[in-house]
């Protein structure tokens, strides 16, 4: 079983008319995080027609920081003005319990 102690919750609000571009960006993000050995779990979800979220989990704070500074985190911030109504809300979380395969 994977060791998971910390996580991230990122909430994103798409600019009007950019909802499907945000969805595609997040779908494409899966290929990027597949190469991150420290990212134990990663989910991109649609909360409402224009609101999206990412939840990802890591064994420790170093892996979480590597992810934030990695390719997907950089691409997210590079495209923020173009795709998002406001800057993404990024919360760093402590994992109390989990169930993973």
N, C-alpha and C. Protein backbone atom coordinates (compact mmCIF):
# COMPACT_ATOMS: atom_id res chain seq x y z
N UNK A 1 0.85 -1.18 0.00
CA UNK A 1 0.00 0.00 0.00
C UNK A 1 0.89 1.24 0.00
N UNK A 2 0.49 2.24 -0.73
CA UNK A 2 1.25 3.48 -0.85
C UNK A 2 1.21 4.27 0.44
N UNK A 3 2.32 4.92 0.73
CA UNK A 3 2.41 5.80 1.89
C UNK A 3 1.93 7.19 1.48
N UNK A 4 0.89 7.69 2.12
CA UNK A 4 0.31 9.00 1.79
C UNK A 4 0.14 9.80 3.08
N UNK A 5 0.81 10.95 3.14
CA UNK A 5 0.74 11.78 4.34
C UNK A 5 0.27 13.20 4.07
N UNK A 6 0.46 13.69 2.85
CA UNK A 6 0.07 15.06 2.51
C UNK A 6 -0.64 15.08 1.17
N UNK A 7 -1.37 16.18 0.92
CA UNK A 7 -2.14 16.28 -0.32
C UNK A 7 -2.26 17.75 -0.73
N UNK A 8 -2.82 17.94 -1.90
CA UNK A 8 -3.17 19.26 -2.41
C UNK A 8 -4.62 19.24 -2.87
N UNK A 9 -5.30 20.34 -2.67
CA UNK A 9 -6.62 20.56 -3.26
C UNK A 9 -6.53 21.89 -4.00
N UNK A 10 -6.76 21.85 -5.29
CA UNK A 10 -6.67 23.04 -6.14
C UNK A 10 -8.05 23.27 -6.74
N UNK A 11 -8.59 24.46 -6.55
CA UNK A 11 -9.89 24.79 -7.16
C UNK A 11 -9.66 25.83 -8.25
N UNK A 12 -10.32 25.60 -9.38
CA UNK A 12 -10.14 26.42 -10.58
C UNK A 12 -11.50 26.85 -11.09
N UNK A 13 -11.61 28.13 -11.40
CA UNK A 13 -12.83 28.68 -12.01
C UNK A 13 -12.47 29.11 -13.43
N UNK A 14 -13.09 28.49 -14.43
CA UNK A 14 -12.80 28.80 -15.82
C UNK A 14 -13.36 30.16 -16.22
N UNK A 15 -12.64 30.85 -17.08
CA UNK A 15 -13.18 32.07 -17.69
C UNK A 15 -14.40 31.69 -18.52
N UNK A 16 -15.39 32.57 -18.63
CA UNK A 16 -16.53 32.27 -19.50
C UNK A 16 -16.07 31.92 -20.91
N UNK A 17 -16.58 30.84 -21.44
CA UNK A 17 -16.21 30.38 -22.77
C UNK A 17 -14.97 29.51 -22.81
N UNK A 18 -14.26 29.36 -21.70
CA UNK A 18 -13.02 28.57 -21.65
C UNK A 18 -13.20 27.23 -20.92
N UNK A 19 -14.43 26.90 -20.57
CA UNK A 19 -14.69 25.71 -19.77
C UNK A 19 -14.14 24.43 -20.41
N UNK A 20 -14.38 24.25 -21.69
CA UNK A 20 -13.92 23.01 -22.35
C UNK A 20 -12.41 22.99 -22.53
N UNK A 21 -11.80 24.17 -22.69
CA UNK A 21 -10.33 24.23 -22.75
C UNK A 21 -9.72 23.84 -21.41
N UNK A 22 -10.33 24.28 -20.32
CA UNK A 22 -9.85 23.89 -18.99
C UNK A 22 -10.00 22.38 -18.81
N UNK A 23 -11.14 21.83 -19.19
CA UNK A 23 -11.35 20.39 -19.08
C UNK A 23 -10.29 19.62 -19.88
N UNK A 24 -10.00 20.06 -21.09
CA UNK A 24 -8.99 19.40 -21.92
C UNK A 24 -7.60 19.54 -21.30
N UNK A 25 -7.30 20.71 -20.78
CA UNK A 25 -6.01 20.93 -20.11
C UNK A 25 -5.84 19.94 -18.95
N UNK A 26 -6.88 19.77 -18.15
CA UNK A 26 -6.80 18.86 -17.02
C UNK A 26 -6.70 17.41 -17.48
N UNK A 27 -7.46 17.03 -18.50
CA UNK A 27 -7.34 15.65 -19.03
C UNK A 27 -5.91 15.39 -19.50
N UNK A 28 -5.33 16.36 -20.21
CA UNK A 28 -3.96 16.21 -20.71
C UNK A 28 -2.94 16.17 -19.57
N UNK A 29 -3.29 16.76 -18.42
CA UNK A 29 -2.39 16.77 -17.28
C UNK A 29 -2.09 15.38 -16.74
N UNK A 30 -2.98 14.44 -16.96
CA UNK A 30 -2.76 13.08 -16.48
C UNK A 30 -1.45 12.52 -17.03
N UNK A 31 -1.17 12.73 -18.29
CA UNK A 31 0.06 12.21 -18.90
C UNK A 31 1.30 12.79 -18.22
N UNK A 32 1.21 14.02 -17.78
CA UNK A 32 2.34 14.67 -17.12
C UNK A 32 2.59 14.04 -15.75
N UNK A 33 1.54 13.88 -14.96
CA UNK A 33 1.74 13.36 -13.60
C UNK A 33 2.03 11.86 -13.58
N UNK A 34 1.76 11.16 -14.66
CA UNK A 34 2.11 9.72 -14.73
C UNK A 34 3.61 9.53 -14.50
N UNK A 35 4.41 10.52 -14.90
CA UNK A 35 5.87 10.42 -14.77
C UNK A 35 6.39 10.86 -13.41
N UNK A 36 5.52 11.32 -12.52
CA UNK A 36 5.93 11.79 -11.20
C UNK A 36 5.84 10.65 -10.19
N UNK A 37 6.97 10.08 -9.83
CA UNK A 37 6.95 8.95 -8.91
C UNK A 37 6.44 9.33 -7.52
N UNK A 38 6.56 10.59 -7.13
CA UNK A 38 6.09 11.03 -5.83
C UNK A 38 4.62 11.36 -5.75
N UNK A 39 3.95 11.40 -6.91
CA UNK A 39 2.51 11.66 -6.91
C UNK A 39 1.80 10.31 -6.85
N UNK A 40 1.28 10.00 -5.66
CA UNK A 40 0.67 8.69 -5.41
C UNK A 40 -0.73 8.60 -6.03
N UNK A 41 -1.49 9.69 -5.91
CA UNK A 41 -2.85 9.73 -6.45
C UNK A 41 -3.09 11.11 -7.04
N UNK A 42 -3.83 11.16 -8.13
CA UNK A 42 -4.13 12.43 -8.80
C UNK A 42 -5.51 12.34 -9.43
N UNK A 43 -6.36 13.31 -9.11
CA UNK A 43 -7.71 13.36 -9.66
C UNK A 43 -7.99 14.76 -10.17
N UNK A 44 -8.54 14.86 -11.36
CA UNK A 44 -9.06 16.13 -11.89
C UNK A 44 -10.56 15.93 -12.05
N UNK A 45 -11.34 16.85 -11.48
CA UNK A 45 -12.79 16.69 -11.49
C UNK A 45 -13.47 17.99 -11.90
N UNK A 46 -14.68 17.83 -12.39
CA UNK A 46 -15.53 18.98 -12.71
C UNK A 46 -16.57 19.07 -11.60
N UNK A 47 -16.61 20.22 -10.93
CA UNK A 47 -17.51 20.44 -9.81
C UNK A 47 -18.84 21.02 -10.29
N UNK A 48 -18.76 21.90 -11.27
CA UNK A 48 -19.93 22.52 -11.89
C UNK A 48 -19.53 22.84 -13.33
N UNK A 49 -20.43 23.42 -14.13
CA UNK A 49 -20.05 23.70 -15.52
C UNK A 49 -18.76 24.52 -15.68
N UNK A 50 -18.46 25.40 -14.72
CA UNK A 50 -17.27 26.24 -14.87
C UNK A 50 -16.25 26.07 -13.75
N UNK A 51 -16.52 25.21 -12.77
CA UNK A 51 -15.61 25.01 -11.65
C UNK A 51 -14.99 23.63 -11.71
N UNK A 52 -13.68 23.58 -11.53
CA UNK A 52 -12.92 22.34 -11.59
C UNK A 52 -12.07 22.23 -10.34
N UNK A 53 -11.61 21.03 -10.06
CA UNK A 53 -10.71 20.83 -8.93
C UNK A 53 -9.72 19.73 -9.25
N UNK A 54 -8.57 19.84 -8.60
CA UNK A 54 -7.55 18.79 -8.65
C UNK A 54 -7.30 18.37 -7.20
N UNK A 55 -7.26 17.07 -6.98
CA UNK A 55 -6.86 16.54 -5.69
C UNK A 55 -5.73 15.57 -5.95
N UNK A 56 -4.61 15.77 -5.28
CA UNK A 56 -3.50 14.84 -5.44
C UNK A 56 -2.86 14.57 -4.09
N UNK A 57 -2.23 13.40 -3.98
CA UNK A 57 -1.69 12.96 -2.70
C UNK A 57 -0.24 12.50 -2.86
N UNK A 58 0.52 12.66 -1.76
CA UNK A 58 1.96 12.45 -1.80
C UNK A 58 2.44 11.80 -0.50
N UNK A 59 3.59 11.14 -0.54
CA UNK A 59 4.11 10.54 0.68
C UNK A 59 4.64 11.58 1.67
N UNK A 60 5.13 12.73 1.15
CA UNK A 60 5.74 13.72 2.04
C UNK A 60 5.73 15.11 1.38
N UNK A 61 6.12 16.09 2.16
CA UNK A 61 6.13 17.46 1.68
C UNK A 61 7.10 17.70 0.53
N UNK A 62 8.21 16.97 0.49
CA UNK A 62 9.16 17.13 -0.62
C UNK A 62 8.53 16.73 -1.94
N UNK A 63 7.83 15.61 -1.95
CA UNK A 63 7.15 15.16 -3.18
C UNK A 63 6.08 16.16 -3.59
N UNK A 64 5.37 16.70 -2.61
CA UNK A 64 4.34 17.71 -2.91
C UNK A 64 4.98 18.94 -3.53
N UNK A 65 6.09 19.42 -2.97
CA UNK A 65 6.78 20.59 -3.53
C UNK A 65 7.33 20.30 -4.92
N UNK A 66 7.86 19.09 -5.13
CA UNK A 66 8.33 18.71 -6.47
C UNK A 66 7.20 18.80 -7.48
N UNK A 67 6.03 18.35 -7.08
CA UNK A 67 4.86 18.40 -7.97
C UNK A 67 4.46 19.85 -8.26
N UNK A 68 4.39 20.67 -7.22
CA UNK A 68 4.01 22.08 -7.41
C UNK A 68 4.97 22.80 -8.35
N UNK A 69 6.25 22.47 -8.27
CA UNK A 69 7.24 23.09 -9.14
C UNK A 69 7.48 22.36 -10.43
N UNK A 70 6.73 21.29 -10.66
CA UNK A 70 6.92 20.45 -11.84
C UNK A 70 6.22 20.99 -13.08
N UNK A 71 6.18 20.15 -14.09
CA UNK A 71 5.66 20.56 -15.40
C UNK A 71 4.20 20.98 -15.35
N UNK A 72 3.35 20.23 -14.65
CA UNK A 72 1.92 20.57 -14.63
C UNK A 72 1.67 21.85 -13.83
N UNK A 73 2.32 21.97 -12.67
CA UNK A 73 2.17 23.18 -11.88
C UNK A 73 2.61 24.42 -12.64
N UNK A 74 3.72 24.30 -13.35
CA UNK A 74 4.22 25.42 -14.15
C UNK A 74 3.25 25.76 -15.28
N UNK A 75 2.75 24.75 -15.97
CA UNK A 75 1.81 24.99 -17.07
C UNK A 75 0.52 25.61 -16.55
N UNK A 76 0.07 25.17 -15.38
CA UNK A 76 -1.14 25.72 -14.77
C UNK A 76 -0.99 27.22 -14.55
N UNK A 77 0.15 27.62 -13.99
CA UNK A 77 0.36 29.04 -13.70
C UNK A 77 0.60 29.84 -14.99
N UNK A 78 1.27 29.25 -15.97
CA UNK A 78 1.52 29.93 -17.24
C UNK A 78 0.22 30.25 -17.97
N UNK A 79 -0.77 29.39 -17.87
CA UNK A 79 -2.02 29.57 -18.61
C UNK A 79 -3.13 30.17 -17.76
N UNK A 80 -2.83 30.51 -16.51
CA UNK A 80 -3.86 31.00 -15.58
C UNK A 80 -4.60 32.22 -16.11
N UNK A 81 -3.89 33.22 -16.59
CA UNK A 81 -4.56 34.44 -17.08
C UNK A 81 -5.45 34.15 -18.28
N UNK A 82 -5.03 33.23 -19.12
CA UNK A 82 -5.77 32.89 -20.33
C UNK A 82 -7.04 32.08 -20.03
N UNK A 83 -6.93 31.10 -19.11
CA UNK A 83 -8.01 30.14 -18.91
C UNK A 83 -8.89 30.38 -17.69
N UNK A 84 -8.35 31.02 -16.65
CA UNK A 84 -9.04 31.07 -15.37
C UNK A 84 -9.60 32.44 -15.04
N UNK A 85 -10.76 32.46 -14.42
CA UNK A 85 -11.41 33.72 -14.02
C UNK A 85 -10.65 34.39 -12.88
N UNK A 86 -9.96 33.61 -12.06
CA UNK A 86 -9.15 34.11 -10.95
C UNK A 86 -8.02 33.13 -10.72
N UNK A 87 -6.98 33.51 -9.99
CA UNK A 87 -5.90 32.56 -9.75
C UNK A 87 -6.42 31.30 -9.06
N UNK A 88 -5.84 30.14 -9.37
CA UNK A 88 -6.26 28.91 -8.72
C UNK A 88 -6.09 29.01 -7.20
N UNK A 89 -7.02 28.44 -6.46
CA UNK A 89 -6.92 28.35 -5.01
C UNK A 89 -6.20 27.04 -4.69
N UNK A 90 -5.05 27.12 -4.02
CA UNK A 90 -4.24 25.94 -3.74
C UNK A 90 -4.14 25.76 -2.23
N UNK A 91 -4.67 24.64 -1.75
CA UNK A 91 -4.63 24.32 -0.33
C UNK A 91 -3.72 23.12 -0.10
N UNK A 92 -2.80 23.25 0.85
CA UNK A 92 -1.94 22.14 1.24
C UNK A 92 -2.59 21.45 2.43
N UNK A 93 -2.77 20.13 2.31
CA UNK A 93 -3.52 19.36 3.30
C UNK A 93 -2.64 18.29 3.94
N UNK A 94 -3.00 17.92 5.15
CA UNK A 94 -2.43 16.74 5.81
C UNK A 94 -3.44 15.61 5.66
N UNK A 95 -3.00 14.45 5.26
CA UNK A 95 -3.88 13.29 5.10
C UNK A 95 -3.98 12.56 6.43
N UNK A 96 -5.19 12.42 6.92
CA UNK A 96 -5.43 11.73 8.19
C UNK A 96 -5.65 10.23 8.01
N UNK A 97 -6.29 9.86 6.91
CA UNK A 97 -6.56 8.46 6.60
C UNK A 97 -6.80 8.34 5.11
N UNK A 98 -6.59 7.17 4.57
CA UNK A 98 -6.82 6.96 3.14
C UNK A 98 -7.08 5.49 2.85
N UNK A 99 -7.68 5.28 1.67
CA UNK A 99 -7.86 3.94 1.14
C UNK A 99 -7.45 3.97 -0.32
N UNK A 100 -6.40 3.30 -0.62
CA UNK A 100 -5.89 3.20 -1.99
C UNK A 100 -5.71 1.72 -2.31
N UNK A 101 -5.76 1.37 -3.60
CA UNK A 101 -5.55 -0.04 -3.95
C UNK A 101 -4.13 -0.50 -3.60
